PDB file of N, CA and C in Angstrom:
ATOM      1  N   MET A   1       1.373   1.747 -26.453  1.00  0.00           N
ATOM      2  CA  MET A   1       2.010   1.242 -25.259  1.00  0.00           C
ATOM      3  C   MET A   1       1.419   1.931 -24.038  1.00  0.00           C
ATOM      4  N   ALA A   2       0.891   1.156 -23.140  1.00  0.00           N
ATOM      5  CA  ALA A   2       0.303   1.698 -21.919  1.00  0.00           C
ATOM      6  C   ALA A   2       1.397   1.965 -20.893  1.00  0.00           C
ATOM      7  N   THR A   3       1.278   3.074 -20.189  1.00  0.00           N
ATOM      8  CA  THR A   3       2.235   3.376 -19.124  1.00  0.00           C
ATOM      9  C   THR A   3       1.482   3.455 -17.809  1.00  0.00           C
ATOM     10  N   PHE A   4       2.167   3.048 -16.770  1.00  0.00           N
ATOM     11  CA  PHE A   4       1.554   3.057 -15.443  1.00  0.00           C
ATOM     12  C   PHE A   4       1.439   4.495 -14.950  1.00  0.00           C
ATOM     13  N   ARG A   5       0.312   4.808 -14.369  1.00  0.00           N
ATOM     14  CA  ARG A   5       0.097   6.145 -13.822  1.00  0.00           C
ATOM     15  C   ARG A   5       0.036   6.043 -12.299  1.00  0.00           C
ATOM     16  N   HIS A   6       1.001   6.661 -11.634  1.00  0.00           N
ATOM     17  CA  HIS A   6       1.024   6.644 -10.170  1.00  0.00           C
ATOM     18  C   HIS A   6      -0.159   7.441  -9.630  1.00  0.00           C
ATOM     19  N   GLU A   7      -0.724   6.935  -8.557  1.00  0.00           N
ATOM     20  CA  GLU A   7      -1.810   7.637  -7.885  1.00  0.00           C
ATOM     21  C   GLU A   7      -1.415   7.835  -6.427  1.00  0.00           C
ATOM     22  N   GLN A   8      -2.010   8.829  -5.798  1.00  0.00           N
ATOM     23  CA  GLN A   8      -1.780   9.075  -4.378  1.00  0.00           C
ATOM     24  C   GLN A   8      -3.131   9.148  -3.680  1.00  0.00           C
ATOM     25  N   HIS A   9      -3.145   8.712  -2.441  1.00  0.00           N
ATOM     26  CA  HIS A   9      -4.373   8.785  -1.662  1.00  0.00           C
ATOM     27  C   HIS A   9      -4.008   8.957  -0.190  1.00  0.00           C
ATOM     28  N   ARG A  10      -4.701   9.850   0.465  1.00  0.00           N
ATOM     29  CA  ARG A  10      -4.480  10.082   1.899  1.00  0.00           C
ATOM     30  C   ARG A  10      -5.693   9.580   2.674  1.00  0.00           C
ATOM     31  N   VAL A  11      -5.398   8.932   3.789  1.00  0.00           N
ATOM     32  CA  VAL A  11      -6.447   8.377   4.645  1.00  0.00           C
ATOM     33  C   VAL A  11      -6.200   8.876   6.065  1.00  0.00           C
ATOM     34  N   THR A  12      -7.233   9.363   6.715  1.00  0.00           N
ATOM     35  CA  THR A  12      -7.145   9.710   8.126  1.00  0.00           C
ATOM     36  C   THR A  12      -7.892   8.640   8.892  1.00  0.00           C
ATOM     37  N   HIS A  13      -7.181   8.006   9.827  1.00  0.00           N
ATOM     38  CA  HIS A  13      -7.772   6.909  10.600  1.00  0.00           C
ATOM     39  C   HIS A  13      -7.229   6.973  12.022  1.00  0.00           C
ATOM     40  N   ARG A  14      -8.115   6.865  12.975  1.00  0.00           N
ATOM     41  CA  ARG A  14      -7.757   6.936  14.399  1.00  0.00           C
ATOM     42  C   ARG A  14      -6.970   8.215  14.706  1.00  0.00           C
ATOM     43  N   GLY A  15      -7.355   9.297  14.054  1.00  0.00           N
ATOM     44  CA  GLY A  15      -6.741  10.590  14.314  1.00  0.00           C
ATOM     45  C   GLY A  15      -5.362  10.786  13.686  1.00  0.00           C
ATOM     46  N   ARG A  16      -4.933   9.853  12.861  1.00  0.00           N
ATOM     47  CA  ARG A  16      -3.627   9.961  12.209  1.00  0.00           C
ATOM     48  C   ARG A  16      -3.804  10.000  10.694  1.00  0.00           C
ATOM     49  N   ALA A  17      -2.920  10.724  10.027  1.00  0.00           N
ATOM     50  CA  ALA A  17      -2.965  10.825   8.567  1.00  0.00           C
ATOM     51  C   ALA A  17      -1.958   9.854   7.965  1.00  0.00           C
ATOM     52  N   PHE A  18      -2.384   9.145   6.924  1.00  0.00           N
ATOM     53  CA  PHE A  18      -1.535   8.178   6.229  1.00  0.00           C
ATOM     54  C   PHE A  18      -1.524   8.505   4.744  1.00  0.00           C
ATOM     55  N   HIS A  19      -0.351   8.393   4.140  1.00  0.00           N
ATOM     56  CA  HIS A  19      -0.177   8.714   2.724  1.00  0.00           C
ATOM     57  C   HIS A  19       0.154   7.423   1.980  1.00  0.00           C
ATOM     58  N   PHE A  20      -0.650   7.097   0.970  1.00  0.00           N
ATOM     59  CA  PHE A  20      -0.442   5.906   0.152  1.00  0.00           C
ATOM     60  C   PHE A  20      -0.159   6.329  -1.285  1.00  0.00           C
ATOM     61  N   VAL A  21       0.775   5.609  -1.932  1.00  0.00           N
ATOM     62  CA  VAL A  21       1.130   5.866  -3.319  1.00  0.00           C
ATOM     63  C   VAL A  21       1.110   4.532  -4.058  1.00  0.00           C
ATOM     64  N   SER A  22       0.572   4.539  -5.277  1.00  0.00           N
ATOM     65  CA  SER A  22       0.558   3.308  -6.073  1.00  0.00           C
ATOM     66  C   SER A  22       1.838   3.222  -6.893  1.00  0.00           C
ATOM     67  N   TYR A  23       2.380   2.004  -6.983  1.00  0.00           N
ATOM     68  CA  TYR A  23       3.589   1.756  -7.762  1.00  0.00           C
ATOM     69  C   TYR A  23       3.346   0.607  -8.720  1.00  0.00           C
ATOM     70  N   GLU A  24       4.056   0.659  -9.846  1.00  0.00           N
ATOM     71  CA  GLU A  24       3.945  -0.350 -10.889  1.00  0.00           C
ATOM     72  C   GLU A  24       4.518  -1.683 -10.405  1.00  0.00           C
ATOM     73  N   ALA A  25       4.035  -2.760 -10.995  1.00  0.00           N
ATOM     74  CA  ALA A  25       4.501  -4.106 -10.658  1.00  0.00           C
ATOM     75  C   ALA A  25       6.014  -4.216 -10.829  1.00  0.00           C
ATOM     76  N   THR A  26       6.629  -5.059 -10.004  1.00  0.00           N
ATOM     77  CA  THR A  26       8.061  -5.324 -10.124  1.00  0.00           C
ATOM     78  C   THR A  26       8.262  -6.807 -10.378  1.00  0.00           C
ATOM     79  N   THR A  27       9.300  -7.117 -11.125  1.00  0.00           N
ATOM     80  CA  THR A  27       9.630  -8.519 -11.366  1.00  0.00           C
ATOM     81  C   THR A  27      10.616  -8.972 -10.290  1.00  0.00           C
ATOM     82  N   ALA A  28      10.638 -10.255 -10.048  1.00  0.00           N
ATOM     83  CA  ALA A  28      11.520 -10.809  -9.023  1.00  0.00           C
ATOM     84  C   ALA A  28      12.975 -10.688  -9.461  1.00  0.00           C
ATOM     85  N   ASN A  29      13.835 -10.434  -8.492  1.00  0.00           N
ATOM     86  CA  ASN A  29      15.271 -10.414  -8.721  1.00  0.00           C
ATOM     87  C   ASN A  29      15.942 -11.072  -7.515  1.00  0.00           C
ATOM     88  N   PRO A  30      16.171 -12.395  -7.577  1.00  0.00           N
ATOM     89  CA  PRO A  30      16.743 -13.109  -6.432  1.00  0.00           C
ATOM     90  C   PRO A  30      18.115 -12.582  -6.007  1.00  0.00           C
ATOM     91  N   ASN A  31      18.889 -12.061  -6.954  1.00  0.00           N
ATOM     92  CA  ASN A  31      20.219 -11.536  -6.615  1.00  0.00           C
ATOM     93  C   ASN A  31      20.146 -10.328  -5.685  1.00  0.00           C
ATOM     94  N   LYS A  32      19.068  -9.568  -5.793  1.00  0.00           N
ATOM     95  CA  LYS A  32      18.881  -8.385  -4.940  1.00  0.00           C
ATOM     96  C   LYS A  32      17.837  -8.626  -3.855  1.00  0.00           C
ATOM     97  N   HIS A  33      17.388  -9.857  -3.713  1.00  0.00           N
ATOM     98  CA  HIS A  33      16.373 -10.236  -2.722  1.00  0.00           C
ATOM     99  C   HIS A  33      15.082  -9.439  -2.905  1.00  0.00           C
ATOM    100  N   ILE A  34      14.679  -9.258  -4.161  1.00  0.00           N
ATOM    101  CA  ILE A  34      13.449  -8.539  -4.474  1.00  0.00           C
ATOM    102  C   ILE A  34      12.404  -9.544  -4.944  1.00  0.00           C
ATOM    103  N   GLU A  35      11.244  -9.533  -4.280  1.00  0.00           N
ATOM    104  CA  GLU A  35      10.154 -10.423  -4.650  1.00  0.00           C
ATOM    105  C   GLU A  35       9.301  -9.778  -5.743  1.00  0.00           C
ATOM    106  N   GLU A  36       8.627 -10.611  -6.511  1.00  0.00           N
ATOM    107  CA  GLU A  36       7.703 -10.108  -7.529  1.00  0.00           C
ATOM    108  C   GLU A  36       6.473  -9.532  -6.838  1.00  0.00           C
ATOM    109  N   LEU A  37       6.049  -8.368  -7.294  1.00  0.00           N
ATOM    110  CA  LEU A  37       4.855  -7.719  -6.756  1.00  0.00           C
ATOM    111  C   LEU A  37       3.980  -7.235  -7.902  1.00  0.00           C
ATOM    112  N   PRO A  38       2.653  -7.365  -7.763  1.00  0.00           N
ATOM    113  CA  PRO A  38       1.765  -6.767  -8.762  1.00  0.00           C
ATOM    114  C   PRO A  38       1.719  -5.249  -8.536  1.00  0.00           C
ATOM    115  N   ASP A  39       0.960  -4.525  -9.355  1.00  0.00           N
ATOM    116  CA  ASP A  39       0.733  -3.106  -9.076  1.00  0.00           C
ATOM    117  C   ASP A  39       0.204  -3.029  -7.648  1.00  0.00           C
ATOM    118  N   THR A  40       0.800  -2.154  -6.830  1.00  0.00           N
ATOM    119  CA  THR A  40       0.529  -2.171  -5.395  1.00  0.00           C
ATOM    120  C   THR A  40       0.431  -0.768  -4.820  1.00  0.00           C
ATOM    121  N   TRP A  41      -0.457  -0.610  -3.832  1.00  0.00           N
ATOM    122  CA  TRP A  41      -0.497   0.596  -3.014  1.00  0.00           C
ATOM    123  C   TRP A  41       0.530   0.423  -1.901  1.00  0.00           C
ATOM    124  N   PHE A  42       1.351   1.450  -1.677  1.00  0.00           N
ATOM    125  CA  PHE A  42       2.350   1.432  -0.612  1.00  0.00           C
ATOM    126  C   PHE A  42       2.046   2.542   0.383  1.00  0.00           C
ATOM    127  N   LEU A  43       2.227   2.237   1.671  1.00  0.00           N
ATOM    128  CA  LEU A  43       2.196   3.268   2.698  1.00  0.00           C
ATOM    129  C   LEU A  43       3.552   3.951   2.651  1.00  0.00           C
ATOM    130  N   VAL A  44       3.563   5.291   2.550  1.00  0.00           N
ATOM    131  CA  VAL A  44       4.800   6.057   2.462  1.00  0.00           C
ATOM    132  C   VAL A  44       4.904   6.937   3.694  1.00  0.00           C
ATOM    133  N   SER A  45       6.052   6.820   4.394  1.00  0.00           N
ATOM    134  CA  SER A  45       6.256   7.615   5.601  1.00  0.00           C
ATOM    135  C   SER A  45       7.743   7.697   5.907  1.00  0.00           C
ATOM    136  N   SER A  46       8.207   8.869   6.249  1.00  0.00           N
ATOM    137  CA  SER A  46       9.597   9.085   6.667  1.00  0.00           C
ATOM    138  C   SER A  46      10.609   8.536   5.668  1.00  0.00           C
ATOM    139  N   GLY A  47      10.333   8.685   4.394  1.00  0.00           N
ATOM    140  CA  GLY A  47      11.265   8.239   3.379  1.00  0.00           C
ATOM    141  C   GLY A  47      11.274   6.739   3.139  1.00  0.00           C
ATOM    142  N   ASN A  48      10.364   6.014   3.753  1.00  0.00           N
ATOM    143  CA  ASN A  48      10.251   4.565   3.566  1.00  0.00           C
ATOM    144  C   ASN A  48       8.908   4.233   2.945  1.00  0.00           C
ATOM    145  N   ARG A  49       8.797   3.018   2.408  1.00  0.00           N
ATOM    146  CA  ARG A  49       7.505   2.581   1.887  1.00  0.00           C
ATOM    147  C   ARG A  49       7.296   1.102   2.209  1.00  0.00           C
ATOM    148  N   TRP A  50       6.032   0.768   2.482  1.00  0.00           N
ATOM    149  CA  TRP A  50       5.646  -0.591   2.832  1.00  0.00           C
ATOM    150  C   TRP A  50       4.491  -1.020   1.941  1.00  0.00           C
ATOM    151  N   PRO A  51       4.595  -2.205   1.299  1.00  0.00           N
ATOM    152  CA  PRO A  51       3.494  -2.656   0.442  1.00  0.00           C
ATOM    153  C   PRO A  51       2.239  -2.901   1.269  1.00  0.00           C
ATOM    154  N   ALA A  52       1.101  -2.433   0.753  1.00  0.00           N
ATOM    155  CA  ALA A  52      -0.154  -2.568   1.497  1.00  0.00           C
ATOM    156  C   ALA A  52      -1.117  -3.504   0.761  1.00  0.00           C
ATOM    157  N   ILE A  53      -1.782  -2.996  -0.253  1.00  0.00           N
ATOM    158  CA  ILE A  53      -2.804  -3.782  -0.957  1.00  0.00           C
ATOM    159  C   ILE A  53      -2.589  -3.657  -2.465  1.00  0.00           C
ATOM    160  N   PRO A  54      -3.144  -4.594  -3.240  1.00  0.00           N
ATOM    161  CA  PRO A  54      -3.030  -4.480  -4.700  1.00  0.00           C
ATOM    162  C   PRO A  54      -3.702  -3.208  -5.229  1.00  0.00           C
ATOM    163  N   HIS A  55      -3.102  -2.620  -6.242  1.00  0.00           N
ATOM    164  CA  HIS A  55      -3.671  -1.448  -6.907  1.00  0.00           C
ATOM    165  C   HIS A  55      -4.598  -1.923  -8.019  1.00  0.00           C
ATOM    166  N   VAL A  56      -5.842  -1.464  -7.975  1.00  0.00           N
ATOM    167  CA  VAL A  56      -6.827  -1.819  -8.997  1.00  0.00           C
ATOM    168  C   VAL A  56      -7.261  -0.522  -9.683  1.00  0.00           C
ATOM    169  N   PRO A  57      -6.824  -0.296 -10.931  1.00  0.00           N
ATOM    170  CA  PRO A  57      -7.204   0.945 -11.622  1.00  0.00           C
ATOM    171  C   PRO A  57      -8.729   1.097 -11.701  1.00  0.00           C
ATOM    172  N   GLY A  58      -9.196   2.308 -11.433  1.00  0.00           N
ATOM    173  CA  GLY A  58     -10.624   2.589 -11.524  1.00  0.00           C
ATOM    174  C   GLY A  58     -11.435   2.117 -10.336  1.00  0.00           C
ATOM    175  N   GLN A  59     -10.775   1.622  -9.293  1.00  0.00           N
ATOM    176  CA  GLN A  59     -11.492   1.154  -8.101  1.00  0.00           C
ATOM    177  C   GLN A  59     -12.213   2.324  -7.428  1.00  0.00           C
ATOM    178  N   PRO A  60     -13.477   2.138  -7.038  1.00  0.00           N
ATOM    179  CA  PRO A  60     -14.185   3.220  -6.342  1.00  0.00           C
ATOM    180  C   PRO A  60     -13.445   3.633  -5.068  1.00  0.00           C
ATOM    181  N   ILE A  61     -13.426   4.933  -4.804  1.00  0.00           N
ATOM    182  CA  ILE A  61     -12.705   5.477  -3.649  1.00  0.00           C
ATOM    183  C   ILE A  61     -13.194   4.863  -2.341  1.00  0.00           C
ATOM    184  N   THR A  62     -14.482   4.648  -2.204  1.00  0.00           N
ATOM    185  CA  THR A  62     -14.999   4.078  -0.957  1.00  0.00           C
ATOM    186  C   THR A  62     -14.454   2.674  -0.717  1.00  0.00           C
ATOM    187  N   ASP A  63     -14.357   1.872  -1.780  1.00  0.00           N
ATOM    188  CA  ASP A  63     -13.785   0.528  -1.648  1.00  0.00           C
ATOM    189  C   ASP A  63     -12.305   0.611  -1.306  1.00  0.00           C
ATOM    190  N   LEU A  64     -11.582   1.499  -1.987  1.00  0.00           N
ATOM    191  CA  LEU A  64     -10.159   1.669  -1.732  1.00  0.00           C
ATOM    192  C   LEU A  64      -9.926   2.059  -0.275  1.00  0.00           C
ATOM    193  N   GLU A  65     -10.662   3.059   0.204  1.00  0.00           N
ATOM    194  CA  GLU A  65     -10.475   3.514   1.577  1.00  0.00           C
ATOM    195  C   GLU A  65     -10.784   2.425   2.586  1.00  0.00           C
ATOM    196  N   SER A  66     -11.841   1.655   2.363  1.00  0.00           N
ATOM    197  CA  SER A  66     -12.171   0.593   3.318  1.00  0.00           C
ATOM    198  C   SER A  66     -11.088  -0.481   3.334  1.00  0.00           C
ATOM    199  N   GLN A  67     -10.496  -0.797   2.174  1.00  0.00           N
ATOM    200  CA  GLN A  67      -9.413  -1.778   2.133  1.00  0.00           C
ATOM    201  C   GLN A  67      -8.146  -1.233   2.791  1.00  0.00           C
ATOM    202  N   LEU A  68      -7.846   0.041   2.574  1.00  0.00           N
ATOM    203  CA  LEU A  68      -6.671   0.635   3.208  1.00  0.00           C
ATOM    204  C   LEU A  68      -6.847   0.699   4.728  1.00  0.00           C
ATOM    205  N   VAL A  69      -8.033   1.060   5.193  1.00  0.00           N
ATOM    206  CA  VAL A  69      -8.295   1.098   6.639  1.00  0.00           C
ATOM    207  C   VAL A  69      -8.192  -0.313   7.237  1.00  0.00           C
ATOM    208  N   ALA A  70      -8.709  -1.312   6.545  1.00  0.00           N
ATOM    209  CA  ALA A  70      -8.601  -2.692   7.027  1.00  0.00           C
ATOM    210  C   ALA A  70      -7.131  -3.097   7.115  1.00  0.00           C
ATOM    211  N   TRP A  71      -6.323  -2.706   6.125  1.00  0.00           N
ATOM    212  CA  TRP A  71      -4.892  -3.017   6.159  1.00  0.00           C
ATOM    213  C   TRP A  71      -4.222  -2.302   7.328  1.00  0.00           C
ATOM    214  N   LEU A  72      -4.563  -1.028   7.552  1.00  0.00           N
ATOM    215  CA  LEU A  72      -4.002  -0.289   8.687  1.00  0.00           C
ATOM    216  C   LEU A  72      -4.335  -0.980  10.007  1.00  0.00           C
ATOM    217  N   GLU A  73      -5.573  -1.409  10.154  1.00  0.00           N
ATOM    218  CA  GLU A  73      -5.978  -2.101  11.383  1.00  0.00           C
ATOM    219  C   GLU A  73      -5.191  -3.387  11.585  1.00  0.00           C
ATOM    220  N   GLN A  74      -4.999  -4.127  10.502  1.00  0.00           N
ATOM    221  CA  GLN A  74      -4.330  -5.426  10.581  1.00  0.00           C
ATOM    222  C   GLN A  74      -2.818  -5.293  10.782  1.00  0.00           C
ATOM    223  N   VAL A  75      -2.209  -4.277  10.179  1.00  0.00           N
ATOM    224  CA  VAL A  75      -0.747  -4.172  10.206  1.00  0.00           C
ATOM    225  C   VAL A  75      -0.252  -3.090  11.153  1.00  0.00           C
ATOM    226  N   VAL A  76      -0.749  -1.885  11.031  1.00  0.00           N
ATOM    227  CA  VAL A  76      -0.240  -0.769  11.810  1.00  0.00           C
ATOM    228  C   VAL A  76      -0.771  -0.775  13.232  1.00  0.00           C
ATOM    229  N   PHE A  77      -2.048  -1.060  13.391  1.00  0.00           N
ATOM    230  CA  PHE A  77      -2.659  -0.999  14.716  1.00  0.00           C
ATOM    231  C   PHE A  77      -2.818  -2.364  15.370  1.00  0.00           C
ATOM    232  N   ALA A  78      -2.184  -3.383  14.814  1.00  0.00           N
ATOM    233  CA  ALA A  78      -2.279  -4.725  15.383  1.00  0.00           C
ATOM    234  C   ALA A  78      -1.663  -4.727  16.776  1.00  0.00           C
ATOM    235  N   LYS A  79      -2.310  -5.441  17.673  1.00  0.00           N
ATOM    236  CA  LYS A  79      -1.767  -5.549  19.030  1.00  0.00           C
ATOM    237  C   LYS A  79      -0.596  -6.527  19.006  1.00  0.00           C
ATOM    238  N   PRO A  80       0.509  -6.158  19.660  1.00  0.00           N
ATOM    239  CA  PRO A  80       1.659  -7.071  19.663  1.00  0.00           C
ATOM    240  C   PRO A  80       1.320  -8.357  20.415  1.00  0.00           C
ATOM    241  N   MET A  81       1.877  -9.451  19.927  1.00  0.00           N
ATOM    242  CA  MET A  81       1.639 -10.733  20.576  1.00  0.00           C
ATOM    243  C   MET A  81       2.493 -10.803  21.848  1.00  0.00           C
ATOM    244  N   MET A  82       1.935 -11.389  22.875  1.00  0.00           N
ATOM    245  CA  MET A  82       2.657 -11.515  24.122  1.00  0.00           C
ATOM    246  C   MET A  82       3.472 -12.808  24.086  1.00  0.00           C
ATOM    247  N   ALA A  83       4.673 -12.740  24.594  1.00  0.00           N
ATOM    248  CA  ALA A  83       5.562 -13.911  24.598  1.00  0.00           C
ATOM    249  C   ALA A  83       5.238 -14.846  25.722  1.00  0.00           C
TER     250      ALA A  83
END
């Protein structure tokens, strides 16, 4: 029986440090408003976590970092839309 192994990765981007943790896939639970997710990297900060990108076991670190930085640019550093 295979068990999921959590991984952690820290990325420094635009002078800020970000902590990502991988979590095992979850099944959907409509009663609790939980959506199905594959194995996923989550941004962890201040006791909260936000899903970022899919977790791919054995992925080269350079590829992982470039995908995490792209996600940070798209989500964290996105310019707010003007009304």
